Amino acid sequence: MEATISKTIEKAHDICQQQGARLTEKRKRVLSVVLTAPGPLSAYEVADLYRERFDQSLSVMSVYRMLNFLKDNELVHRLETTNQYLPCSHISCRHPHEIPQFLICDKCRNVSEIGIRREVLQELSANIEGSGFKLAEQQLEFHGLCEQCQSS
């Protein structure tokens, strides 16, 4: 697993370089915390795990700034409804992806990232904007029960 994390962080470094951004050591460490978590994390949880893993404290404000950097460079996603962060499941891919959407289980808190075709989202956006409403984000989050929780 450690080798997979290292390769993912190397790919993240390359992505940042291509975009003219700098993936500093602390940002890499924050990304590794998010990558190794079993589920989405709040900034406070990231700060706690960072301190445990690296024996070094980071203020929550610093963690938020780093998470926003990672989000802006499409390395992590922020779940708006829960204010938590999770890694993009496509960091290591080399092909274009659909717009990510999230299925959030309200029982076990598991989150799945799925893609939605751009055409579908464009049509939805056009319908929304036709009503006079201006969208700030196109991310959709669906809450419900995952397959495992439905059967238990």
Protein backbone atom coordinates (compact mmCIF):
# COMPACT_ATOMS: atom_id res chain seq x y z
CA MET A 1 0.00 0.00 0.00
CA GLU A 2 2.88 2.37 0.80
CA ALA A 3 4.20 1.98 -2.77
CA THR A 4 0.77 2.86 -4.17
CA ILE A 5 0.59 5.98 -2.00
CA SER A 6 4.10 7.01 -3.10
CA LYS A 7 3.18 6.60 -6.77
CA THR A 8 -0.02 8.58 -6.29
CA ILE A 9 1.88 11.39 -4.58
CA GLU A 10 4.44 11.37 -7.41
CA LYS A 11 1.60 11.71 -9.90
CA ALA A 12 0.09 14.53 -7.80
CA HIS A 13 3.48 16.26 -7.86
CA ASP A 14 3.54 15.98 -11.67
CA ILE A 15 -0.01 17.35 -11.93
CA CYS A 16 0.94 20.35 -9.81
CA GLN A 17 4.08 21.00 -11.84
CA GLN A 18 2.10 20.90 -15.09
CA GLN A 19 -0.26 23.50 -13.64
CA GLY A 20 2.55 25.71 -12.37
CA ALA A 21 1.79 24.91 -8.73
CA ARG A 22 4.14 23.62 -6.04
CA LEU A 23 3.36 20.51 -4.01
CA THR A 24 5.40 21.25 -0.88
CA GLU A 25 6.43 18.60 1.62
CA LYS A 26 3.66 19.58 4.05
CA ARG A 27 1.08 19.48 1.26
CA LYS A 28 2.35 16.02 0.28
CA ARG A 29 1.97 14.91 3.89
CA VAL A 30 -1.58 16.29 4.10
CA LEU A 31 -2.40 14.50 0.84
CA SER A 32 -0.95 11.26 2.22
CA VAL A 33 -3.15 11.59 5.32
CA VAL A 34 -6.23 11.98 3.11
CA LEU A 35 -5.14 9.16 0.79
CA THR A 36 -4.69 6.67 3.63
CA ALA A 37 -7.88 7.52 5.51
CA PRO A 38 -10.69 4.96 5.41
CA GLY A 39 -13.20 7.69 4.57
CA PRO A 40 -13.71 11.44 4.24
CA LEU A 41 -12.02 13.64 6.86
CA SER A 42 -12.69 17.05 8.34
CA ALA A 43 -9.80 19.52 8.53
CA TYR A 44 -9.68 18.88 12.29
CA GLU A 45 -9.32 15.15 11.70
CA VAL A 46 -6.58 15.78 9.13
CA ALA A 47 -4.72 17.96 11.66
CA ASP A 48 -5.01 15.24 14.33
CA LEU A 49 -3.84 12.45 12.02
CA TYR A 50 -1.01 14.64 10.70
CA ARG A 51 0.21 15.22 14.27
CA GLU A 52 0.00 11.48 15.06
CA ARG A 53 1.74 10.37 11.88
CA PHE A 54 4.45 13.02 11.53
CA ASP A 55 4.86 14.09 15.19
CA GLN A 56 4.38 17.68 14.10
CA SER A 57 1.50 20.08 14.65
CA LEU A 58 -0.31 22.02 11.97
CA SER A 59 -2.91 24.64 12.75
CA VAL A 60 -6.37 23.88 11.42
CA MET A 61 -6.19 27.09 9.35
CA SER A 62 -3.01 25.78 7.69
CA VAL A 63 -4.73 22.47 7.04
CA TYR A 64 -7.67 24.29 5.43
CA ARG A 65 -5.28 26.24 3.18
CA MET A 66 -3.48 23.07 2.16
CA LEU A 67 -6.73 21.21 1.53
CA ASN A 68 -7.97 24.12 -0.59
CA PHE A 69 -4.73 24.00 -2.58
CA LEU A 70 -5.22 20.26 -3.12
CA LYS A 71 -8.86 20.85 -4.09
CA ASP A 72 -7.95 23.64 -6.51
CA ASN A 73 -5.48 21.27 -8.18
CA GLU A 74 -8.11 18.49 -8.36
CA LEU A 75 -6.27 16.15 -6.02
CA VAL A 76 -8.98 16.07 -3.35
CA HIS A 77 -12.68 16.79 -3.30
CA ARG A 78 -14.64 18.66 -0.65
CA LEU A 79 -18.02 17.28 0.31
CA GLU A 80 -20.10 20.41 0.71
CA THR A 81 -22.84 18.82 2.82
CA THR A 82 -20.44 17.39 5.42
CA ASN A 83 -17.44 19.75 5.07
CA GLN A 84 -15.11 16.79 4.67
CA TYR A 85 -12.36 15.97 2.21
CA LEU A 86 -11.54 12.83 0.28
CA PRO A 87 -8.95 12.03 -2.38
CA CYS A 88 -9.88 12.23 -6.03
CA SER A 89 -10.15 8.64 -7.19
CA HIS A 90 -8.60 9.59 -10.55
CA ILE A 91 -5.26 11.13 -9.54
CA SER A 92 -3.25 8.37 -11.21
CA CYS A 93 -5.34 8.11 -14.38
CA ARG A 94 -4.16 9.59 -17.64
CA HIS A 95 -7.49 10.04 -19.42
CA PRO A 96 -10.19 12.74 -19.14
CA HIS A 97 -12.93 12.08 -16.63
CA GLU A 98 -16.55 12.94 -16.27
CA ILE A 99 -17.59 15.47 -13.65
CA PRO A 100 -17.38 13.80 -10.21
CA GLN A 101 -20.50 13.30 -8.14
CA PHE A 102 -20.73 11.65 -4.75
CA LEU A 103 -22.95 8.96 -3.26
CA ILE A 104 -22.87 9.36 0.53
CA CYS A 105 -24.21 6.60 2.79
CA ASP A 106 -25.99 8.20 5.73
CA LYS A 107 -25.52 5.07 7.85
CA CYS A 108 -21.87 3.99 7.43
CA ARG A 109 -20.62 7.31 5.95
CA ASN A 110 -19.00 5.52 2.99
CA VAL A 111 -18.60 7.79 -0.04
CA SER A 112 -18.39 6.65 -3.65
CA GLU A 113 -17.24 8.91 -6.44
CA ILE A 114 -19.08 8.47 -9.72
CA GLY A 115 -18.90 10.41 -12.95
CA ILE A 116 -21.76 12.18 -14.65
CA ARG A 117 -21.62 12.94 -18.34
CA ARG A 118 -20.92 16.60 -19.09
CA GLU A 119 -23.94 16.75 -21.41
CA VAL A 120 -26.27 15.76 -18.56
CA LEU A 121 -24.81 18.39 -16.26
CA GLN A 122 -24.87 21.03 -18.99
CA GLU A 123 -28.56 20.36 -19.62
CA LEU A 124 -29.30 20.53 -15.89
CA SER A 125 -27.31 23.77 -15.59
CA ALA A 126 -29.16 25.28 -18.56
CA ASN A 127 -32.52 24.40 -16.97
CA ILE A 128 -31.44 25.92 -13.66
CA GLU A 129 -30.05 29.09 -15.23
CA GLY A 130 -33.21 29.35 -17.35
CA SER A 131 -35.09 29.88 -14.11
CA GLY A 132 -32.88 32.86 -13.28
CA PHE A 133 -30.73 31.00 -10.74
CA LYS A 134 -26.92 31.16 -11.07
CA LEU A 135 -25.03 28.01 -10.07
CA ALA A 136 -21.90 28.43 -7.96
CA GLU A 137 -20.84 24.77 -8.14
CA GLN A 138 -21.78 21.83 -10.31
CA GLN A 139 -20.97 19.15 -7.77
CA LEU A 140 -23.85 16.88 -6.81
CA GLU A 141 -23.99 14.94 -3.56
CA PHE A 142 -26.59 12.25 -3.13
CA HIS A 143 -27.41 10.95 0.34
CA GLY A 144 -28.94 7.54 0.95
CA LEU A 145 -27.94 4.02 1.91
CA CYS A 146 -25.19 2.02 0.25
CA GLU A 147 -25.85 -1.52 -0.94
CA GLN A 148 -24.21 -3.06 2.15
CA CYS A 149 -26.28 -0.97 4.60
CA GLN A 150 -29.48 -1.72 2.70
CA SER A 151 -28.96 -5.44 3.17
CA SER A 152 -28.05 -5.27 6.88
